[in-house]
mmCIF file of all heavy atoms, coordinates in Angstrom:
data_MODEL
# 
_entry.id   MODEL 
# 
loop_
_atom_site.group_PDB 
_atom_site.id 
_atom_site.type_symbol 
_atom_site.label_atom_id 
_atom_site.label_alt_id 
_atom_site.label_comp_id 
_atom_site.label_asym_id 
_atom_site.label_entity_id 
_atom_site.label_seq_id 
_atom_site.pdbx_PDB_ins_code 
_atom_site.Cartn_x 
_atom_site.Cartn_y 
_atom_site.Cartn_z 
_atom_site.occupancy 
_atom_site.B_iso_or_equiv 
_atom_site.pdbx_formal_charge 
_atom_site.auth_seq_id 
_atom_site.auth_comp_id 
_atom_site.auth_asym_id 
_atom_site.auth_atom_id 
_atom_site.pdbx_PDB_model_num 
ATOM 1   N N   . ASN A 1 1  ? 24.526 -10.031 4.667  1.00 0.00 ? 1  ASN A N   1 
ATOM 2   C CA  . ASN A 1 1  ? 23.825 -8.864  4.264  1.00 0.00 ? 1  ASN A CA  1 
ATOM 3   C C   . ASN A 1 1  ? 22.573 -9.028  3.321  1.00 0.00 ? 1  ASN A C   1 
ATOM 4   O O   . ASN A 1 1  ? 22.595 -9.980  2.565  1.00 0.00 ? 1  ASN A O   1 
ATOM 5   C CB  . ASN A 1 1  ? 24.692 -7.795  3.752  1.00 0.00 ? 1  ASN A CB  1 
ATOM 6   C CG  . ASN A 1 1  ? 25.835 -7.403  4.471  1.00 0.00 ? 1  ASN A CG  1 
ATOM 7   O OD1 . ASN A 1 1  ? 25.583 -7.237  5.828  1.00 0.00 ? 1  ASN A OD1 1 
ATOM 8   N ND2 . ASN A 1 1  ? 26.996 -7.314  4.066  1.00 0.00 ? 1  ASN A ND2 1 
ATOM 9   N N   . LEU A 1 2  ? 21.623 -8.241  3.469  1.00 0.00 ? 2  LEU A N   1 
ATOM 10  C CA  . LEU A 1 2  ? 20.434 -8.246  2.465  1.00 0.00 ? 2  LEU A CA  1 
ATOM 11  C C   . LEU A 1 2  ? 19.924 -6.876  2.329  1.00 0.00 ? 2  LEU A C   1 
ATOM 12  O O   . LEU A 1 2  ? 20.055 -6.053  3.280  1.00 0.00 ? 2  LEU A O   1 
ATOM 13  C CB  . LEU A 1 2  ? 19.382 -9.217  2.837  1.00 0.00 ? 2  LEU A CB  1 
ATOM 14  C CG  . LEU A 1 2  ? 18.458 -8.944  4.096  1.00 0.00 ? 2  LEU A CG  1 
ATOM 15  C CD1 . LEU A 1 2  ? 17.286 -7.931  3.808  1.00 0.00 ? 2  LEU A CD1 1 
ATOM 16  C CD2 . LEU A 1 2  ? 17.962 -10.135 4.614  1.00 0.00 ? 2  LEU A CD2 1 
ATOM 17  N N   . THR A 1 3  ? 19.500 -6.399  1.096  1.00 0.00 ? 3  THR A N   1 
ATOM 18  C CA  . THR A 1 3  ? 18.774 -5.204  0.835  1.00 0.00 ? 3  THR A CA  1 
ATOM 19  C C   . THR A 1 3  ? 17.658 -5.386  -0.161 1.00 0.00 ? 3  THR A C   1 
ATOM 20  O O   . THR A 1 3  ? 17.989 -6.017  -1.269 1.00 0.00 ? 3  THR A O   1 
ATOM 21  C CB  . THR A 1 3  ? 19.823 -4.074  0.288  1.00 0.00 ? 3  THR A CB  1 
ATOM 22  O OG1 . THR A 1 3  ? 20.982 -3.976  1.167  1.00 0.00 ? 3  THR A OG1 1 
ATOM 23  C CG2 . THR A 1 3  ? 19.185 -2.855  -0.049 1.00 0.00 ? 3  THR A CG2 1 
ATOM 24  N N   . GLN A 1 4  ? 16.564 -4.964  0.207  1.00 0.00 ? 4  GLN A N   1 
ATOM 25  C CA  . GLN A 1 4  ? 15.318 -5.241  -0.674 1.00 0.00 ? 4  GLN A CA  1 
ATOM 26  C C   . GLN A 1 4  ? 14.460 -4.001  -0.587 1.00 0.00 ? 4  GLN A C   1 
ATOM 27  O O   . GLN A 1 4  ? 14.269 -3.324  0.516  1.00 0.00 ? 4  GLN A O   1 
ATOM 28  C CB  . GLN A 1 4  ? 14.500 -6.438  -0.216 1.00 0.00 ? 4  GLN A CB  1 
ATOM 29  C CG  . GLN A 1 4  ? 15.255 -7.750  -0.219 1.00 0.00 ? 4  GLN A CG  1 
ATOM 30  C CD  . GLN A 1 4  ? 15.437 -8.236  -1.769 1.00 0.00 ? 4  GLN A CD  1 
ATOM 31  O OE1 . GLN A 1 4  ? 14.359 -8.133  -2.516 1.00 0.00 ? 4  GLN A OE1 1 
ATOM 32  N NE2 . GLN A 1 4  ? 16.587 -8.573  -2.180 1.00 0.00 ? 4  GLN A NE2 1 
ATOM 33  N N   . SER A 1 5  ? 13.846 -3.506  -1.869 1.00 0.00 ? 5  SER A N   1 
ATOM 34  C CA  . SER A 1 5  ? 12.996 -2.409  -1.791 1.00 0.00 ? 5  SER A CA  1 
ATOM 35  C C   . SER A 1 5  ? 11.560 -2.835  -2.141 1.00 0.00 ? 5  SER A C   1 
ATOM 36  O O   . SER A 1 5  ? 11.447 -3.764  -3.064 1.00 0.00 ? 5  SER A O   1 
ATOM 37  C CB  . SER A 1 5  ? 13.439 -1.428  -2.815 1.00 0.00 ? 5  SER A CB  1 
ATOM 38  O OG  . SER A 1 5  ? 14.814 -0.868  -2.400 1.00 0.00 ? 5  SER A OG  1 
ATOM 39  N N   . PHE A 1 6  ? 10.606 -2.048  -1.513 1.00 0.00 ? 6  PHE A N   1 
ATOM 40  C CA  . PHE A 1 6  ? 9.127  -2.384  -1.736 1.00 0.00 ? 6  PHE A CA  1 
ATOM 41  C C   . PHE A 1 6  ? 8.426  -1.078  -2.040 1.00 0.00 ? 6  PHE A C   1 
ATOM 42  O O   . PHE A 1 6  ? 8.899  0.028   -1.647 1.00 0.00 ? 6  PHE A O   1 
ATOM 43  C CB  . PHE A 1 6  ? 8.612  -3.038  -0.431 1.00 0.00 ? 6  PHE A CB  1 
ATOM 44  C CG  . PHE A 1 6  ? 9.202  -4.356  -0.011 1.00 0.00 ? 6  PHE A CG  1 
ATOM 45  C CD1 . PHE A 1 6  ? 10.414 -4.347  0.791  1.00 0.00 ? 6  PHE A CD1 1 
ATOM 46  C CD2 . PHE A 1 6  ? 8.642  -5.440  -0.513 1.00 0.00 ? 6  PHE A CD2 1 
ATOM 47  C CE1 . PHE A 1 6  ? 11.001 -5.471  1.075  1.00 0.00 ? 6  PHE A CE1 1 
ATOM 48  C CE2 . PHE A 1 6  ? 9.238  -6.820  -0.123 1.00 0.00 ? 6  PHE A CE2 1 
ATOM 49  C CZ  . PHE A 1 6  ? 10.326 -6.721  0.686  1.00 0.00 ? 6  PHE A CZ  1 
ATOM 50  N N   . PRO A 1 7  ? 7.364  -1.218  -2.930 1.00 0.00 ? 7  PRO A N   1 
ATOM 51  C CA  . PRO A 1 7  ? 6.520  0.064   -3.042 1.00 0.00 ? 7  PRO A CA  1 
ATOM 52  C C   . PRO A 1 7  ? 6.087  0.693   -1.700 1.00 0.00 ? 7  PRO A C   1 
ATOM 53  O O   . PRO A 1 7  ? 5.746  -0.156  -0.822 1.00 0.00 ? 7  PRO A O   1 
ATOM 54  C CB  . PRO A 1 7  ? 5.365  -0.404  -3.832 1.00 0.00 ? 7  PRO A CB  1 
ATOM 55  C CG  . PRO A 1 7  ? 5.876  -1.710  -4.520 1.00 0.00 ? 7  PRO A CG  1 
ATOM 56  C CD  . PRO A 1 7  ? 6.887  -2.340  -3.602 1.00 0.00 ? 7  PRO A CD  1 
ATOM 57  N N   . PHE A 1 8  ? 6.227  1.844   -1.505 1.00 0.00 ? 8  PHE A N   1 
ATOM 58  C CA  . PHE A 1 8  ? 5.862  2.506   -0.282 1.00 0.00 ? 8  PHE A CA  1 
ATOM 59  C C   . PHE A 1 8  ? 4.395  2.484   -0.002 1.00 0.00 ? 8  PHE A C   1 
ATOM 60  O O   . PHE A 1 8  ? 3.489  2.573   -0.721 1.00 0.00 ? 8  PHE A O   1 
ATOM 61  C CB  . PHE A 1 8  ? 6.162  4.012   -0.333 1.00 0.00 ? 8  PHE A CB  1 
ATOM 62  C CG  . PHE A 1 8  ? 5.703  4.758   0.863  1.00 0.00 ? 8  PHE A CG  1 
ATOM 63  C CD1 . PHE A 1 8  ? 6.345  4.568   2.167  1.00 0.00 ? 8  PHE A CD1 1 
ATOM 64  C CD2 . PHE A 1 8  ? 4.763  5.744   0.886  1.00 0.00 ? 8  PHE A CD2 1 
ATOM 65  C CE1 . PHE A 1 8  ? 5.893  5.226   3.216  1.00 0.00 ? 8  PHE A CE1 1 
ATOM 66  C CE2 . PHE A 1 8  ? 4.278  6.378   1.867  1.00 0.00 ? 8  PHE A CE2 1 
ATOM 67  C CZ  . PHE A 1 8  ? 4.868  6.190   3.157  1.00 0.00 ? 8  PHE A CZ  1 
ATOM 68  N N   . VAL A 1 9  ? 4.117  1.850   1.261  1.00 0.00 ? 9  VAL A N   1 
ATOM 69  C CA  . VAL A 1 9  ? 2.750  1.852   1.838  1.00 0.00 ? 9  VAL A CA  1 
ATOM 70  C C   . VAL A 1 9  ? 2.832  2.587   3.267  1.00 0.00 ? 9  VAL A C   1 
ATOM 71  O O   . VAL A 1 9  ? 3.554  2.090   4.113  1.00 0.00 ? 9  VAL A O   1 
ATOM 72  C CB  . VAL A 1 9  ? 2.256  0.391   1.946  1.00 0.00 ? 9  VAL A CB  1 
ATOM 73  C CG1 . VAL A 1 9  ? 0.896  0.417   2.650  1.00 0.00 ? 9  VAL A CG1 1 
ATOM 74  C CG2 . VAL A 1 9  ? 2.235  -0.236  0.624  1.00 0.00 ? 9  VAL A CG2 1 
ATOM 75  N N   . ASP A 1 10 ? 2.178  3.646   3.401  1.00 0.00 ? 10 ASP A N   1 
ATOM 76  C CA  . ASP A 1 10 ? 2.165  4.400   4.502  1.00 0.00 ? 10 ASP A CA  1 
ATOM 77  C C   . ASP A 1 10 ? 1.704  3.499   5.796  1.00 0.00 ? 10 ASP A C   1 
ATOM 78  O O   . ASP A 1 10 ? 0.702  2.825   5.746  1.00 0.00 ? 10 ASP A O   1 
ATOM 79  C CB  . ASP A 1 10 ? 1.140  5.607   4.449  1.00 0.00 ? 10 ASP A CB  1 
ATOM 80  C CG  . ASP A 1 10 ? 1.455  6.648   5.590  1.00 0.00 ? 10 ASP A CG  1 
ATOM 81  O OD1 . ASP A 1 10 ? 2.613  6.720   6.136  1.00 0.00 ? 10 ASP A OD1 1 
ATOM 82  O OD2 . ASP A 1 10 ? 0.572  7.419   5.825  1.00 0.00 ? 10 ASP A OD2 1 
ATOM 83  N N   . ASP A 1 11 ? 2.428  3.503   6.909  1.00 0.00 ? 11 ASP A N   1 
ATOM 84  C CA  . ASP A 1 11 ? 2.240  2.875   8.053  1.00 0.00 ? 11 ASP A CA  1 
ATOM 85  C C   . ASP A 1 11 ? 2.396  1.333   7.990  1.00 0.00 ? 11 ASP A C   1 
ATOM 86  O O   . ASP A 1 11 ? 2.060  0.596   8.887  1.00 0.00 ? 11 ASP A O   1 
ATOM 87  C CB  . ASP A 1 11 ? 0.954  3.257   8.737  1.00 0.00 ? 11 ASP A CB  1 
ATOM 88  C CG  . ASP A 1 11 ? 0.846  4.662   9.358  1.00 0.00 ? 11 ASP A CG  1 
ATOM 89  O OD1 . ASP A 1 11 ? 1.968  5.134   9.566  1.00 0.00 ? 11 ASP A OD1 1 
ATOM 90  O OD2 . ASP A 1 11 ? -0.230 5.186   9.393  1.00 0.00 ? 11 ASP A OD2 1 
ATOM 91  N N   . ALA A 1 12 ? 2.924  0.836   6.941  1.00 0.00 ? 12 ALA A N   1 
ATOM 92  C CA  . ALA A 1 12 ? 3.094  -0.626  6.773  1.00 0.00 ? 12 ALA A CA  1 
ATOM 93  C C   . ALA A 1 12 ? 4.247  -1.119  7.804  1.00 0.00 ? 12 ALA A C   1 
ATOM 94  O O   . ALA A 1 12 ? 5.224  -0.244  8.074  1.00 0.00 ? 12 ALA A O   1 
ATOM 95  C CB  . ALA A 1 12 ? 3.576  -0.954  5.501  1.00 0.00 ? 12 ALA A CB  1 
ATOM 96  N N   . ILE A 1 13 ? 4.056  -2.154  8.386  1.00 0.00 ? 13 ILE A N   1 
ATOM 97  C CA  . ILE A 1 13 ? 5.052  -2.719  9.355  1.00 0.00 ? 13 ILE A CA  1 
ATOM 98  C C   . ILE A 1 13 ? 5.803  -3.762  8.826  1.00 0.00 ? 13 ILE A C   1 
ATOM 99  O O   . ILE A 1 13 ? 5.273  -4.643  8.188  1.00 0.00 ? 13 ILE A O   1 
ATOM 100 C CB  . ILE A 1 13 ? 4.352  -3.130  10.648 1.00 0.00 ? 13 ILE A CB  1 
ATOM 101 C CG1 . ILE A 1 13 ? 3.451  -1.989  11.246 1.00 0.00 ? 13 ILE A CG1 1 
ATOM 102 C CG2 . ILE A 1 13 ? 5.380  -3.397  11.669 1.00 0.00 ? 13 ILE A CG2 1 
ATOM 103 C CD1 . ILE A 1 13 ? 2.586  -2.314  12.303 1.00 0.00 ? 13 ILE A CD1 1 
ATOM 104 N N   . TYR A 1 14 ? 7.148  -3.904  8.929  1.00 0.00 ? 14 TYR A N   1 
ATOM 105 C CA  . TYR A 1 14 ? 8.007  -4.813  8.405  1.00 0.00 ? 14 TYR A CA  1 
ATOM 106 C C   . TYR A 1 14 ? 8.587  -5.716  9.520  1.00 0.00 ? 14 TYR A C   1 
ATOM 107 O O   . TYR A 1 14 ? 8.854  -5.222  10.580 1.00 0.00 ? 14 TYR A O   1 
ATOM 108 C CB  . TYR A 1 14 ? 9.055  -4.234  7.532  1.00 0.00 ? 14 TYR A CB  1 
ATOM 109 C CG  . TYR A 1 14 ? 8.612  -3.600  6.244  1.00 0.00 ? 14 TYR A CG  1 
ATOM 110 C CD1 . TYR A 1 14 ? 8.040  -2.383  6.208  1.00 0.00 ? 14 TYR A CD1 1 
ATOM 111 C CD2 . TYR A 1 14 ? 8.662  -4.339  5.023  1.00 0.00 ? 14 TYR A CD2 1 
ATOM 112 C CE1 . TYR A 1 14 ? 7.458  -1.791  5.154  1.00 0.00 ? 14 TYR A CE1 1 
ATOM 113 C CE2 . TYR A 1 14 ? 8.210  -3.835  3.865  1.00 0.00 ? 14 TYR A CE2 1 
ATOM 114 C CZ  . TYR A 1 14 ? 7.674  -2.550  3.851  1.00 0.00 ? 14 TYR A CZ  1 
ATOM 115 O OH  . TYR A 1 14 ? 7.153  -2.028  2.730  1.00 0.00 ? 14 TYR A OH  1 
ATOM 116 N N   . ALA A 1 15 ? 8.932  -6.992  9.155  1.00 0.00 ? 15 ALA A N   1 
ATOM 117 C CA  . ALA A 1 15 ? 9.604  -7.877  10.216 1.00 0.00 ? 15 ALA A CA  1 
ATOM 118 C C   . ALA A 1 15 ? 10.242 -8.949  9.370  1.00 0.00 ? 15 ALA A C   1 
ATOM 119 O O   . ALA A 1 15 ? 9.973  -9.178  8.278  1.00 0.00 ? 15 ALA A O   1 
ATOM 120 C CB  . ALA A 1 15 ? 8.648  -8.557  11.186 1.00 0.00 ? 15 ALA A CB  1 
ATOM 121 N N   . LEU A 1 16 ? 11.253 -9.559  10.057 1.00 0.00 ? 16 LEU A N   1 
ATOM 122 C CA  . LEU A 1 16 ? 12.084 -10.591 9.311  1.00 0.00 ? 16 LEU A CA  1 
ATOM 123 C C   . LEU A 1 16 ? 11.969 -11.940 9.982  1.00 0.00 ? 16 LEU A C   1 
ATOM 124 O O   . LEU A 1 16 ? 11.949 -12.069 11.248 1.00 0.00 ? 16 LEU A O   1 
ATOM 125 C CB  . LEU A 1 16 ? 13.556 -10.313 9.196  1.00 0.00 ? 16 LEU A CB  1 
ATOM 126 C CG  . LEU A 1 16 ? 13.899 -8.865  8.515  1.00 0.00 ? 16 LEU A CG  1 
ATOM 127 C CD1 . LEU A 1 16 ? 15.448 -8.888  8.525  1.00 0.00 ? 16 LEU A CD1 1 
ATOM 128 C CD2 . LEU A 1 16 ? 13.300 -8.713  7.089  1.00 0.00 ? 16 LEU A CD2 1 
ATOM 129 N N   . ARG A 1 17 ? 12.026 -13.057 9.202  1.00 0.00 ? 17 ARG A N   1 
ATOM 130 C CA  . ARG A 1 17 ? 12.122 -14.373 9.737  1.00 0.00 ? 17 ARG A CA  1 
ATOM 131 C C   . ARG A 1 17 ? 13.464 -14.837 9.125  1.00 0.00 ? 17 ARG A C   1 
ATOM 132 O O   . ARG A 1 17 ? 13.704 -15.005 7.983  1.00 0.00 ? 17 ARG A O   1 
ATOM 133 C CB  . ARG A 1 17 ? 11.065 -15.309 9.424  1.00 0.00 ? 17 ARG A CB  1 
ATOM 134 C CG  . ARG A 1 17 ? 9.682  -15.025 10.023 1.00 0.00 ? 17 ARG A CG  1 
ATOM 135 C CD  . ARG A 1 17 ? 8.689  -16.106 9.674  1.00 0.00 ? 17 ARG A CD  1 
ATOM 136 N NE  . ARG A 1 17 ? 7.385  -15.830 10.343 1.00 0.00 ? 17 ARG A NE  1 
ATOM 137 C CZ  . ARG A 1 17 ? 6.375  -16.656 10.278 1.00 0.00 ? 17 ARG A CZ  1 
ATOM 138 N NH1 . ARG A 1 17 ? 6.456  -17.753 9.583  1.00 0.00 ? 17 ARG A NH1 1 
ATOM 139 N NH2 . ARG A 1 17 ? 5.224  -16.379 11.005 1.00 0.00 ? 17 ARG A NH2 1 
ATOM 140 N N   . VAL A 1 18 ? 14.432 -15.186 9.916  1.00 0.00 ? 18 VAL A N   1 
ATOM 141 C CA  . VAL A 1 18 ? 15.837 -15.570 9.520  1.00 0.00 ? 18 VAL A CA  1 
ATOM 142 C C   . VAL A 1 18 ? 15.921 -16.956 9.676  1.00 0.00 ? 18 VAL A C   1 
ATOM 143 O O   . VAL A 1 18 ? 15.956 -17.608 10.924 1.00 0.00 ? 18 VAL A O   1 
ATOM 144 C CB  . VAL A 1 18 ? 16.933 -14.775 10.337 1.00 0.00 ? 18 VAL A CB  1 
ATOM 145 C CG1 . VAL A 1 18 ? 18.344 -15.156 9.736  1.00 0.00 ? 18 VAL A CG1 1 
ATOM 146 C CG2 . VAL A 1 18 ? 16.722 -13.294 10.121 1.00 0.00 ? 18 VAL A CG2 1 
ATOM 147 N N   . PHE A 1 19 ? 16.038 -17.829 8.678  1.00 0.00 ? 19 PHE A N   1 
ATOM 148 C CA  . PHE A 1 19 ? 16.144 -19.227 8.801  1.00 0.00 ? 19 PHE A CA  1 
ATOM 149 C C   . PHE A 1 19 ? 17.382 -19.778 8.848  1.00 0.00 ? 19 PHE A C   1 
ATOM 150 O O   . PHE A 1 19 ? 18.415 -19.219 8.192  1.00 0.00 ? 19 PHE A O   1 
ATOM 151 C CB  . PHE A 1 19 ? 15.337 -19.902 7.593  1.00 0.00 ? 19 PHE A CB  1 
ATOM 152 C CG  . PHE A 1 19 ? 13.858 -19.835 7.623  1.00 0.00 ? 19 PHE A CG  1 
ATOM 153 C CD1 . PHE A 1 19 ? 13.222 -18.604 7.259  1.00 0.00 ? 19 PHE A CD1 1 
ATOM 154 C CD2 . PHE A 1 19 ? 13.100 -20.969 7.928  1.00 0.00 ? 19 PHE A CD2 1 
ATOM 155 C CE1 . PHE A 1 19 ? 11.887 -18.433 7.372  1.00 0.00 ? 19 PHE A CE1 1 
ATOM 156 C CE2 . PHE A 1 19 ? 11.672 -20.795 7.959  1.00 0.00 ? 19 PHE A CE2 1 
ATOM 157 C CZ  . PHE A 1 19 ? 11.097 -19.615 7.666  1.00 0.00 ? 19 PHE A CZ  1 
ATOM 158 N N   . ALA A 1 20 ? 17.721 -21.064 9.567  1.00 0.00 ? 20 ALA A N   1 
ATOM 159 C CA  . ALA A 1 20 ? 18.964 -21.660 9.511  1.00 0.00 ? 20 ALA A CA  1 
ATOM 160 C C   . ALA A 1 20 ? 18.879 -22.670 8.415  1.00 0.00 ? 20 ALA A C   1 
ATOM 161 O O   . ALA A 1 20 ? 18.978 -23.847 8.511  1.00 0.00 ? 20 ALA A O   1 
ATOM 162 C CB  . ALA A 1 20 ? 19.133 -22.410 10.882 1.00 0.00 ? 20 ALA A CB  1 
ATOM 163 N N   . THR A 1 21 ? 18.646 -22.087 7.085  1.00 0.00 ? 21 THR A N   1 
ATOM 164 C CA  . THR A 1 21 ? 18.452 -22.895 6.028  1.00 0.00 ? 21 THR A CA  1 
ATOM 165 C C   . THR A 1 21 ? 19.372 -22.216 4.866  1.00 0.00 ? 21 THR A C   1 
ATOM 166 O O   . THR A 1 21 ? 19.321 -21.031 4.706  1.00 0.00 ? 21 THR A O   1 
ATOM 167 C CB  . THR A 1 21 ? 16.953 -22.823 5.552  1.00 0.00 ? 21 THR A CB  1 
ATOM 168 O OG1 . THR A 1 21 ? 16.153 -23.465 6.521  1.00 0.00 ? 21 THR A OG1 1 
ATOM 169 C CG2 . THR A 1 21 ? 16.875 -23.460 4.163  1.00 0.00 ? 21 THR A CG2 1 
ATOM 170 N N   . ASN A 1 22 ? 20.025 -23.046 4.154  1.00 0.00 ? 22 ASN A N   1 
ATOM 171 C CA  . ASN A 1 22 ? 20.799 -22.639 2.926  1.00 0.00 ? 22 ASN A CA  1 
ATOM 172 C C   . ASN A 1 22 ? 20.725 -23.688 1.910  1.00 0.00 ? 22 ASN A C   1 
ATOM 173 O O   . ASN A 1 22 ? 20.083 -24.654 2.103  1.00 0.00 ? 22 ASN A O   1 
ATOM 174 C CB  . ASN A 1 22 ? 22.263 -22.132 3.312  1.00 0.00 ? 22 ASN A CB  1 
ATOM 175 C CG  . ASN A 1 22 ? 23.065 -23.258 4.150  1.00 0.00 ? 22 ASN A CG  1 
ATOM 176 O OD1 . ASN A 1 22 ? 22.992 -24.401 3.709  1.00 0.00 ? 22 ASN A OD1 1 
ATOM 177 N ND2 . ASN A 1 22 ? 23.757 -22.793 5.172  1.00 0.00 ? 22 ASN A ND2 1 
ATOM 178 N N   . SER A 1 23 ? 21.522 -23.587 0.822  1.00 0.00 ? 23 SER A N   1 
ATOM 179 C CA  . SER A 1 23 ? 21.568 -24.547 -0.145 1.00 0.00 ? 23 SER A CA  1 
ATOM 180 C C   . SER A 1 23 ? 21.915 -25.916 0.274  1.00 0.00 ? 23 SER A C   1 
ATOM 181 O O   . SER A 1 23 ? 21.639 -27.065 -0.280 1.00 0.00 ? 23 SER A O   1 
ATOM 182 C CB  . SER A 1 23 ? 22.403 -24.166 -1.393 1.00 0.00 ? 23 SER A CB  1 
ATOM 183 O OG  . SER A 1 23 ? 23.792 -24.066 -0.937 1.00 0.00 ? 23 SER A OG  1 
ATOM 184 N N   . ALA A 1 24 ? 22.730 -25.955 1.423  1.00 0.00 ? 24 ALA A N   1 
ATOM 185 C CA  . ALA A 1 24 ? 23.395 -27.319 1.802  1.00 0.00 ? 24 ALA A CA  1 
ATOM 186 C C   . ALA A 1 24 ? 22.413 -27.957 2.901  1.00 0.00 ? 24 ALA A C   1 
ATOM 187 O O   . ALA A 1 24 ? 22.462 -29.227 3.008  1.00 0.00 ? 24 ALA A O   1 
ATOM 188 C CB  . ALA A 1 24 ? 24.783 -27.043 2.491  1.00 0.00 ? 24 ALA A CB  1 
# 
């Protein structure tokens, strides 16, 4: 899970890149 908040910008578009990367 993840939850993050950003200052509101009208009509801004969001997307994610999910990496196969961790501390190991």
